[in-house]
Amino acid sequence: MPHIRPVSDLRNNFADISRIIHETQEPVFLTKNGYGHMVVMSMEAYERKLFESEIYFKLKEGELEAKSTDKRYSHKEVFNELRARLKENVGSDEL
């Protein structure tokens, strides 16, 4: 269930809001005059959302690329290419 608080709580009950966002790792929605005004979240939650957004963007990018070409790769081709790039960047023969 989302946490919804008036924006005045940010000033009057900051410690309570801070506790909520850190314990639950969920955002707190702040309202002003009964309408949504802003969202407050912990740095960890923000970084997680940012990471998820980047992953979704990359997946969408891959879907669009797949639709634009008929070229397909087998799992062996993909893993061989990944190993080659890792060896090139890391310089390890253990891969």
PDB file of N, CA and C in Angstrom:
ATOM      1  N   MET A   1       0.849  -1.171   0.000  1.00  0.00           N
ATOM      2  CA  MET A   1       0.000   0.000   0.000  1.00  0.00           C
ATOM      3  C   MET A   1       0.898   1.240   0.000  1.00  0.00           C
ATOM      4  N   PRO A   2       0.639   2.189  -0.899  1.00  0.00           N
ATOM      5  CA  PRO A   2       1.511   3.363  -0.970  1.00  0.00           C
ATOM      6  C   PRO A   2       1.366   4.253   0.268  1.00  0.00           C
ATOM      7  N   HIS A   3       2.468   4.894   0.605  1.00  0.00           N
ATOM      8  CA  HIS A   3       2.470   5.843   1.720  1.00  0.00           C
ATOM      9  C   HIS A   3       2.190   7.226   1.146  1.00  0.00           C
ATOM     10  N   ILE A   4       1.081   7.827   1.561  1.00  0.00           N
ATOM     11  CA  ILE A   4       0.685   9.144   1.074  1.00  0.00           C
ATOM     12  C   ILE A   4       0.600  10.073   2.273  1.00  0.00           C
ATOM     13  N   ARG A   5       1.315  11.184   2.196  1.00  0.00           N
ATOM     14  CA  ARG A   5       1.364  12.133   3.307  1.00  0.00           C
ATOM     15  C   ARG A   5       1.239  13.548   2.755  1.00  0.00           C
ATOM     16  N   PRO A   6       0.756  14.485   3.568  1.00  0.00           N
ATOM     17  CA  PRO A   6       0.758  15.888   3.128  1.00  0.00           C
ATOM     18  C   PRO A   6       2.190  16.422   3.085  1.00  0.00           C
ATOM     19  N   VAL A   7       2.454  17.337   2.172  1.00  0.00           N
ATOM     20  CA  VAL A   7       3.800  17.875   2.007  1.00  0.00           C
ATOM     21  C   VAL A   7       4.294  18.550   3.287  1.00  0.00           C
ATOM     22  N   SER A   8       3.392  19.042   4.108  1.00  0.00           N
ATOM     23  CA  SER A   8       3.794  19.674   5.375  1.00  0.00           C
ATOM     24  C   SER A   8       4.495  18.678   6.298  1.00  0.00           C
ATOM     25  N   ASP A   9       4.213  17.375   6.128  1.00  0.00           N
ATOM     26  CA  ASP A   9       4.886  16.353   6.941  1.00  0.00           C
ATOM     27  C   ASP A   9       6.385  16.297   6.664  1.00  0.00           C
ATOM     28  N   LEU A  10       6.780  16.759   5.496  1.00  0.00           N
ATOM     29  CA  LEU A  10       8.208  16.767   5.180  1.00  0.00           C
ATOM     30  C   LEU A  10       8.948  17.688   6.150  1.00  0.00           C
ATOM     31  N   ARG A  11       8.303  18.777   6.518  1.00  0.00           N
ATOM     32  CA  ARG A  11       8.901  19.713   7.466  1.00  0.00           C
ATOM     33  C   ARG A  11       8.632  19.286   8.907  1.00  0.00           C
ATOM     34  N   ASN A  12       7.384  18.905   9.184  1.00  0.00           N
ATOM     35  CA  ASN A  12       6.965  18.635  10.562  1.00  0.00           C
ATOM     36  C   ASN A  12       7.334  17.242  11.063  1.00  0.00           C
ATOM     37  N   ASN A  13       7.403  16.262  10.170  1.00  0.00           N
ATOM     38  CA  ASN A  13       7.664  14.868  10.561  1.00  0.00           C
ATOM     39  C   ASN A  13       8.737  14.235   9.681  1.00  0.00           C
ATOM     40  N   PHE A  14       9.802  14.984   9.439  1.00  0.00           N
ATOM     41  CA  PHE A  14      10.856  14.504   8.544  1.00  0.00           C
ATOM     42  C   PHE A  14      11.424  13.160   8.991  1.00  0.00           C
ATOM     43  N   ALA A  15      11.678  13.013  10.277  1.00  0.00           N
ATOM     44  CA  ALA A  15      12.270  11.768  10.788  1.00  0.00           C
ATOM     45  C   ALA A  15      11.360  10.576  10.513  1.00  0.00           C
ATOM     46  N   ASP A  16      10.053  10.775  10.632  1.00  0.00           N
ATOM     47  CA  ASP A  16       9.092   9.700  10.376  1.00  0.00           C
ATOM     48  C   ASP A  16       9.104   9.305   8.897  1.00  0.00           C
ATOM     49  N   ILE A  17       9.120  10.295   8.027  1.00  0.00           N
ATOM     50  CA  ILE A  17       9.160  10.015   6.586  1.00  0.00           C
ATOM     51  C   ILE A  17      10.474   9.324   6.227  1.00  0.00           C
ATOM     52  N   SER A  18      11.568   9.790   6.786  1.00  0.00           N
ATOM     53  CA  SER A  18      12.867   9.165   6.536  1.00  0.00           C
ATOM     54  C   SER A  18      12.865   7.707   6.979  1.00  0.00           C
ATOM     55  N   ARG A  19      12.304   7.442   8.130  1.00  0.00           N
ATOM     56  CA  ARG A  19      12.227   6.069   8.638  1.00  0.00           C
ATOM     57  C   ARG A  19      11.413   5.193   7.684  1.00  0.00           C
ATOM     58  N   ILE A  20      10.274   5.705   7.224  1.00  0.00           N
ATOM     59  CA  ILE A  20       9.403   4.938   6.324  1.00  0.00           C
ATOM     60  C   ILE A  20      10.137   4.577   5.037  1.00  0.00           C
ATOM     61  N   ILE A  21      10.775   5.563   4.404  1.00  0.00           N
ATOM     62  CA  ILE A  21      11.407   5.280   3.110  1.00  0.00           C
ATOM     63  C   ILE A  21      12.606   4.353   3.241  1.00  0.00           C
ATOM     64  N   HIS A  22      13.294   4.396   4.373  1.00  0.00           N
ATOM     65  CA  HIS A  22      14.446   3.508   4.544  1.00  0.00           C
ATOM     66  C   HIS A  22      14.045   2.107   4.989  1.00  0.00           C
ATOM     67  N   GLU A  23      13.023   1.999   5.811  1.00  0.00           N
ATOM     68  CA  GLU A  23      12.587   0.671   6.268  1.00  0.00           C
ATOM     69  C   GLU A  23      11.862  -0.099   5.171  1.00  0.00           C
ATOM     70  N   THR A  24      11.019   0.592   4.419  1.00  0.00           N
ATOM     71  CA  THR A  24      10.204  -0.089   3.411  1.00  0.00           C
ATOM     72  C   THR A  24      10.866  -0.134   2.040  1.00  0.00           C
ATOM     73  N   GLN A  25      11.867   0.735   1.815  1.00  0.00           N
ATOM     74  CA  GLN A  25      12.491   0.888   0.498  1.00  0.00           C
ATOM     75  C   GLN A  25      11.449   1.236  -0.565  1.00  0.00           C
ATOM     76  N   GLU A  26      10.376   1.889  -0.135  1.00  0.00           N
ATOM     77  CA  GLU A  26       9.321   2.348  -1.036  1.00  0.00           C
ATOM     78  C   GLU A  26       9.223   3.867  -0.944  1.00  0.00           C
ATOM     79  N   PRO A  27       8.746   4.520  -2.001  1.00  0.00           N
ATOM     80  CA  PRO A  27       8.625   5.979  -1.959  1.00  0.00           C
ATOM     81  C   PRO A  27       7.448   6.429  -1.087  1.00  0.00           C
ATOM     82  N   VAL A  28       7.528   7.678  -0.658  1.00  0.00           N
ATOM     83  CA  VAL A  28       6.415   8.332   0.030  1.00  0.00           C
ATOM     84  C   VAL A  28       5.897   9.404  -0.921  1.00  0.00           C
ATOM     85  N   PHE A  29       4.602   9.379  -1.188  1.00  0.00           N
ATOM     86  CA  PHE A  29       3.963  10.346  -2.066  1.00  0.00           C
ATOM     87  C   PHE A  29       3.456  11.503  -1.220  1.00  0.00           C
ATOM     88  N   LEU A  30       3.853  12.714  -1.588  1.00  0.00           N
ATOM     89  CA  LEU A  30       3.458  13.897  -0.834  1.00  0.00           C
ATOM     90  C   LEU A  30       2.410  14.674  -1.614  1.00  0.00           C
ATOM     91  N   THR A  31       1.380  15.122  -0.895  1.00  0.00           N
ATOM     92  CA  THR A  31       0.292  15.859  -1.532  1.00  0.00           C
ATOM     93  C   THR A  31       0.305  17.314  -1.082  1.00  0.00           C
ATOM     94  N   LYS A  32      -0.225  18.167  -1.937  1.00  0.00           N
ATOM     95  CA  LYS A  32      -0.385  19.587  -1.615  1.00  0.00           C
ATOM     96  C   LYS A  32      -1.802  19.965  -2.017  1.00  0.00           C
ATOM     97  N   ASN A  33      -2.562  20.446  -1.055  1.00  0.00           N
ATOM     98  CA  ASN A  33      -3.972  20.780  -1.277  1.00  0.00           C
ATOM     99  C   ASN A  33      -4.752  19.583  -1.819  1.00  0.00           C
ATOM    100  N   GLY A  34      -4.392  18.394  -1.368  1.00  0.00           N
ATOM    101  CA  GLY A  34      -5.116  17.191  -1.748  1.00  0.00           C
ATOM    102  C   GLY A  34      -4.701  16.567  -3.066  1.00  0.00           C
ATOM    103  N   TYR A  35      -3.730  17.144  -3.748  1.00  0.00           N
ATOM    104  CA  TYR A  35      -3.283  16.630  -5.047  1.00  0.00           C
ATOM    105  C   TYR A  35      -1.824  16.183  -4.962  1.00  0.00           C
ATOM    106  N   GLY A  36      -1.468  15.216  -5.789  1.00  0.00           N
ATOM    107  CA  GLY A  36      -0.094  14.748  -5.828  1.00  0.00           C
ATOM    108  C   GLY A  36       0.858  15.890  -6.135  1.00  0.00           C
ATOM    109  N   HIS A  37       1.933  15.990  -5.361  1.00  0.00           N
ATOM    110  CA  HIS A  37       2.869  17.102  -5.521  1.00  0.00           C
ATOM    111  C   HIS A  37       4.300  16.620  -5.771  1.00  0.00           C
ATOM    112  N   MET A  38       4.764  15.636  -4.995  1.00  0.00           N
ATOM    113  CA  MET A  38       6.118  15.121  -5.186  1.00  0.00           C
ATOM    114  C   MET A  38       6.253  13.744  -4.557  1.00  0.00           C
ATOM    115  N   VAL A  39       7.366  13.109  -4.872  1.00  0.00           N
ATOM    116  CA  VAL A  39       7.674  11.780  -4.351  1.00  0.00           C
ATOM    117  C   VAL A  39       9.044  11.844  -3.688  1.00  0.00           C
ATOM    118  N   VAL A  40       9.154  11.232  -2.507  1.00  0.00           N
ATOM    119  CA  VAL A  40      10.422  11.177  -1.782  1.00  0.00           C
ATOM    120  C   VAL A  40      10.797   9.708  -1.632  1.00  0.00           C
ATOM    121  N   MET A  41      12.073   9.394  -1.942  1.00  0.00           N
ATOM    122  CA  MET A  41      12.531   8.013  -1.793  1.00  0.00           C
ATOM    123  C   MET A  41      13.980   7.998  -1.342  1.00  0.00           C
ATOM    124  N   SER A  42      14.412   6.863  -0.832  1.00  0.00           N
ATOM    125  CA  SER A  42      15.799   6.714  -0.389  1.00  0.00           C
ATOM    126  C   SER A  42      16.722   6.665  -1.602  1.00  0.00           C
ATOM    127  N   MET A  43      17.992   6.923  -1.372  1.00  0.00           N
ATOM    128  CA  MET A  43      18.980   6.838  -2.449  1.00  0.00           C
ATOM    129  C   MET A  43      19.036   5.427  -3.017  1.00  0.00           C
ATOM    130  N   GLU A  44      18.954   4.427  -2.140  1.00  0.00           N
ATOM    131  CA  GLU A  44      19.007   3.036  -2.596  1.00  0.00           C
ATOM    132  C   GLU A  44      17.831   2.729  -3.516  1.00  0.00           C
ATOM    133  N   ALA A  45      16.637   3.182  -3.129  1.00  0.00           N
ATOM    134  CA  ALA A  45      15.449   2.942  -3.957  1.00  0.00           C
ATOM    135  C   ALA A  45      15.570   3.684  -5.282  1.00  0.00           C
ATOM    136  N   TYR A  46      16.088   4.905  -5.239  1.00  0.00           N
ATOM    137  CA  TYR A  46      16.268   5.688  -6.458  1.00  0.00           C
ATOM    138  C   TYR A  46      17.252   5.001  -7.400  1.00  0.00           C
ATOM    139  N   GLU A  47      18.379   4.559  -6.871  1.00  0.00           N
ATOM    140  CA  GLU A  47      19.379   3.882  -7.700  1.00  0.00           C
ATOM    141  C   GLU A  47      18.831   2.590  -8.288  1.00  0.00           C
ATOM    142  N   ARG A  48      18.019   1.862  -7.514  1.00  0.00           N
ATOM    143  CA  ARG A  48      17.405   0.635  -8.012  1.00  0.00           C
ATOM    144  C   ARG A  48      16.442   0.955  -9.163  1.00  0.00           C
ATOM    145  N   LYS A  49      15.624   1.998  -8.992  1.00  0.00           N
ATOM    146  CA  LYS A  49      14.688   2.401 -10.051  1.00  0.00           C
ATOM    147  C   LYS A  49      15.440   2.851 -11.299  1.00  0.00           C
ATOM    148  N   LEU A  50      16.526   3.581 -11.099  1.00  0.00           N
ATOM    149  CA  LEU A  50      17.333   4.038 -12.223  1.00  0.00           C
ATOM    150  C   LEU A  50      17.933   2.848 -12.970  1.00  0.00           C
ATOM    151  N   PHE A  51      18.451   1.873 -12.231  1.00  0.00           N
ATOM    152  CA  PHE A  51      19.010   0.664 -12.830  1.00  0.00           C
ATOM    153  C   PHE A  51      17.933  -0.093 -13.613  1.00  0.00           C
ATOM    154  N   GLU A  52      16.748  -0.252 -13.012  1.00  0.00           N
ATOM    155  CA  GLU A  52      15.649  -0.945 -13.687  1.00  0.00           C
ATOM    156  C   GLU A  52      15.258  -0.214 -14.963  1.00  0.00           C
ATOM    157  N   SER A  53      15.222   1.101 -14.905  1.00  0.00           N
ATOM    158  CA  SER A  53      14.883   1.901 -16.077  1.00  0.00           C
ATOM    159  C   SER A  53      15.899   1.684 -17.197  1.00  0.00           C
ATOM    160  N   GLU A  54      17.173   1.639 -16.848  1.00  0.00           N
ATOM    161  CA  GLU A  54      18.219   1.388 -17.841  1.00  0.00           C
ATOM    162  C   GLU A  54      18.081   0.000 -18.453  1.00  0.00           C
ATOM    163  N   ILE A  55      17.747  -0.990 -17.631  1.00  0.00           N
ATOM    164  CA  ILE A  55      17.555  -2.358 -18.131  1.00  0.00           C
ATOM    165  C   ILE A  55      16.382  -2.401 -19.101  1.00  0.00           C
ATOM    166  N   TYR A  56      15.255  -1.771 -18.729  1.00  0.00           N
ATOM    167  CA  TYR A  56      14.086  -1.748 -19.610  1.00  0.00           C
ATOM    168  C   TYR A  56      14.410  -1.053 -20.926  1.00  0.00           C
ATOM    169  N   PHE A  57      15.197   0.027 -20.857  1.00  0.00           N
ATOM    170  CA  PHE A  57      15.592   0.740 -22.064  1.00  0.00           C
ATOM    171  C   PHE A  57      16.413  -0.167 -22.975  1.00  0.00           C
ATOM    172  N   LYS A  58      17.371  -0.886 -22.396  1.00  0.00           N
ATOM    173  CA  LYS A  58      18.209  -1.795 -23.186  1.00  0.00           C
ATOM    174  C   LYS A  58      17.377  -2.928 -23.796  1.00  0.00           C
ATOM    175  N   LEU A  59      16.421  -3.451 -23.026  1.00  0.00           N
ATOM    176  CA  LEU A  59      15.553  -4.505 -23.558  1.00  0.00           C
ATOM    177  C   LEU A  59      14.722  -3.981 -24.723  1.00  0.00           C
ATOM    178  N   LYS A  60      14.180  -2.772 -24.582  1.00  0.00           N
ATOM    179  CA  LYS A  60      13.387  -2.172 -25.652  1.00  0.00           C
ATOM    180  C   LYS A  60      14.256  -1.930 -26.880  1.00  0.00           C
ATOM    181  N   GLU A  61      15.472  -1.467 -26.644  1.00  0.00           N
ATOM    182  CA  GLU A  61      16.424  -1.255 -27.731  1.00  0.00           C
ATOM    183  C   GLU A  61      16.685  -2.566 -28.475  1.00  0.00           C
ATOM    184  N   GLY A  62      16.863  -3.651 -27.733  1.00  0.00           N
ATOM    185  CA  GLY A  62      17.082  -4.964 -28.332  1.00  0.00           C
ATOM    186  C   GLY A  62      15.879  -5.447 -29.121  1.00  0.00           C
ATOM    187  N   GLU A  63      14.681  -5.208 -28.589  1.00  0.00           N
ATOM    188  CA  GLU A  63      13.461  -5.599 -29.301  1.00  0.00           C
ATOM    189  C   GLU A  63      13.349  -4.854 -30.623  1.00  0.00           C
ATOM    190  N   LEU A  64      13.634  -3.555 -30.607  1.00  0.00           N
ATOM    191  CA  LEU A  64      13.559  -2.762 -31.836  1.00  0.00           C
ATOM    192  C   LEU A  64      14.600  -3.222 -32.849  1.00  0.00           C
ATOM    193  N   GLU A  65      15.791  -3.543 -32.372  1.00  0.00           N
ATOM    194  CA  GLU A  65      16.833  -4.034 -33.268  1.00  0.00           C
ATOM    195  C   GLU A  65      16.438  -5.386 -33.862  1.00  0.00           C
ATOM    196  N   ALA A  66      15.854  -6.247 -33.045  1.00  0.00           N
ATOM    197  CA  ALA A  66      15.429  -7.565 -33.530  1.00  0.00           C
ATOM    198  C   ALA A  66      14.354  -7.430 -34.602  1.00  0.00           C
ATOM    199  N   LYS A  67      13.474  -6.437 -34.450  1.00  0.00           N
ATOM    200  CA  LYS A  67      12.414  -6.227 -35.442  1.00  0.00           C
ATOM    201  C   LYS A  67      12.958  -5.657 -36.748  1.00  0.00           C
ATOM    202  N   SER A  68      14.097  -4.963 -36.675  1.00  0.00           N
ATOM    203  CA  SER A  68      14.618  -4.285 -37.859  1.00  0.00           C
ATOM    204  C   SER A  68      15.523  -5.169 -38.716  1.00  0.00           C
ATOM    205  N   THR A  69      15.830  -6.373 -38.256  1.00  0.00           N
ATOM    206  CA  THR A  69      16.724  -7.251 -39.016  1.00  0.00           C
ATOM    207  C   THR A  69      16.286  -8.709 -38.864  1.00  0.00           C
ATOM    208  N   ASP A  70      16.675  -9.506 -39.832  1.00  0.00           N
ATOM    209  CA  ASP A  70      16.378 -10.939 -39.765  1.00  0.00           C
ATOM    210  C   ASP A  70      17.551 -11.729 -39.186  1.00  0.00           C
ATOM    211  N   LYS A  71      18.651 -11.057 -38.887  1.00  0.00           N
ATOM    212  CA  LYS A  71      19.840 -11.717 -38.354  1.00  0.00           C
ATOM    213  C   LYS A  71      19.562 -12.225 -36.949  1.00  0.00           C
ATOM    214  N   ARG A  72      19.874 -13.500 -36.727  1.00  0.00           N
ATOM    215  CA  ARG A  72      19.709 -14.117 -35.408  1.00  0.00           C
ATOM    216  C   ARG A  72      21.011 -14.810 -35.040  1.00  0.00           C
ATOM    217  N   TYR A  73      21.265 -14.911 -33.740  1.00  0.00           N
ATOM    218  CA  TYR A  73      22.484 -15.536 -33.240  1.00  0.00           C
ATOM    219  C   TYR A  73      22.122 -16.712 -32.351  1.00  0.00           C
ATOM    220  N   SER A  74      22.905 -17.773 -32.462  1.00  0.00           N
ATOM    221  CA  SER A  74      22.711 -18.914 -31.563  1.00  0.00           C
ATOM    222  C   SER A  74      23.323 -18.567 -30.209  1.00  0.00           C
ATOM    223  N   HIS A  75      22.958 -19.330 -29.208  1.00  0.00           N
ATOM    224  CA  HIS A  75      23.530 -19.074 -27.879  1.00  0.00           C
ATOM    225  C   HIS A  75      25.043 -19.277 -27.891  1.00  0.00           C
ATOM    226  N   LYS A  76      25.524 -20.224 -28.705  1.00  0.00           N
ATOM    227  CA  LYS A  76      26.970 -20.455 -28.797  1.00  0.00           C
ATOM    228  C   LYS A  76      27.681 -19.231 -29.375  1.00  0.00           C
ATOM    229  N   GLU A  77      27.091 -18.647 -30.411  1.00  0.00           N
ATOM    230  CA  GLU A  77      27.701 -17.457 -31.012  1.00  0.00           C
ATOM    231  C   GLU A  77      27.755 -16.300 -30.015  1.00  0.00           C
ATOM    232  N   VAL A  78      26.673 -16.128 -29.282  1.00  0.00           N
ATOM    233  CA  VAL A  78      26.609 -15.035 -28.303  1.00  0.00           C
ATOM    234  C   VAL A  78      27.660 -15.228 -27.218  1.00  0.00           C
ATOM    235  N   PHE A  79      27.727 -16.423 -26.637  1.00  0.00           N
ATOM    236  CA  PHE A  79      28.678 -16.665 -25.558  1.00  0.00           C
ATOM    237  C   PHE A  79      30.126 -16.627 -26.045  1.00  0.00           C
ATOM    238  N   ASN A  80      30.380 -17.115 -27.250  1.00  0.00           N
ATOM    239  CA  ASN A  80      31.736 -17.030 -27.798  1.00  0.00           C
ATOM    240  C   ASN A  80      32.158 -15.572 -27.989  1.00  0.00           C
ATOM    241  N   GLU A  81      31.246 -14.757 -28.473  1.00  0.00           N
ATOM    242  CA  GLU A  81      31.535 -13.331 -28.646  1.00  0.00           C
ATOM    243  C   GLU A  81      31.769 -12.652 -27.298  1.00  0.00           C
ATOM    244  N   LEU A  82      30.949 -12.985 -26.303  1.00  0.00           N
ATOM    245  CA  LEU A  82      31.134 -12.422 -24.959  1.00  0.00           C
ATOM    246  C   LEU A  82      32.480 -12.820 -24.373  1.00  0.00           C
ATOM    247  N   ARG A  83      32.836 -14.086 -24.513  1.00  0.00           N
ATOM    248  CA  ARG A  83      34.133 -14.555 -24.003  1.00  0.00           C
ATOM    249  C   ARG A  83      35.288 -13.815 -24.681  1.00  0.00           C
ATOM    250  N   ALA A  84      35.177 -13.650 -25.987  1.00  0.00           N
ATOM    251  CA  ALA A  84      36.231 -12.952 -26.729  1.00  0.00           C
ATOM    252  C   ALA A  84      36.366 -11.508 -26.252  1.00  0.00           C
ATOM    253  N   ARG A  85      35.247 -10.851 -26.032  1.00  0.00           N
ATOM    254  CA  ARG A  85      35.298  -9.458 -25.555  1.00  0.00           C
ATOM    255  C   ARG A  85      35.846  -9.379 -24.134  1.00  0.00           C
ATOM    256  N   LEU A  86      35.460 -10.331 -23.291  1.00  0.00           N
ATOM    257  CA  LEU A  86      35.983 -10.343 -21.921  1.00  0.00           C
ATOM    258  C   LEU A  86      37.486 -10.568 -21.915  1.00  0.00           C
ATOM    259  N   LYS A  87      37.960 -11.521 -22.726  1.00  0.00           N
ATOM    260  CA  LYS A  87      39.401 -11.779 -22.806  1.00  0.00           C
ATOM    261  C   LYS A  87      40.135 -10.536 -23.284  1.00  0.00           C
ATOM    262  N   GLU A  88      39.529  -9.855 -24.241  1.00  0.00           N
ATOM    263  CA  GLU A  88      40.127  -8.646 -24.792  1.00  0.00           C
ATOM    264  C   GLU A  88      40.222  -7.547 -23.732  1.00  0.00           C
ATOM    265  N   ASN A  89      39.181  -7.399 -22.933  1.00  0.00           N
ATOM    266  CA  ASN A  89      39.132  -6.324 -21.932  1.00  0.00           C
ATOM    267  C   ASN A  89      39.791  -6.695 -20.614  1.00  0.00           C
ATOM    268  N   VAL A  90      39.666  -7.958 -20.209  1.00  0.00           N
ATOM    269  CA  VAL A  90      40.201  -8.397 -18.925  1.00  0.00           C
ATOM    270  C   VAL A  90      41.581  -9.011 -19.099  1.00  0.00           C
ATOM    271  N   GLY A  91      41.789  -9.673 -20.220  1.00  0.00           N
ATOM    272  CA  GLY A  91      43.077 -10.289 -20.489  1.00  0.00           C
ATOM    273  C   GLY A  91      43.285 -11.606 -19.778  1.00  0.00           C
ATOM    274  N   SER A  92      42.212 -12.335 -19.525  1.00  0.00           N
ATOM    275  CA  SER A  92      42.323 -13.606 -18.810  1.00  0.00           C
ATOM    276  C   SER A  92      42.047 -14.755 -19.759  1.00  0.00           C
ATOM    277  N   ASP A  93      42.839 -15.816 -19.628  1.00  0.00           N
ATOM    278  CA  ASP A  93      42.618 -17.009 -20.443  1.00  0.00           C
ATOM    279  C   ASP A  93      41.717 -18.013 -19.739  1.00  0.00           C
ATOM    280  N   GLU A  94      41.246 -17.676 -18.534  1.00  0.00           N
ATOM    281  CA  GLU A  94      40.414 -18.595 -17.757  1.00  0.00           C
ATOM    282  C   GLU A  94      38.973 -18.631 -18.251  1.00  0.00           C
ATOM    283  N   LEU A  95      38.604 -17.723 -19.113  1.00  0.00           N
ATOM    284  CA  LEU A  95      37.205 -17.632 -19.535  1.00  0.00           C
ATOM    285  C   LEU A  95      36.834 -18.664 -20.546  1.00  0.00           C
TER     286      LEU A  95
END
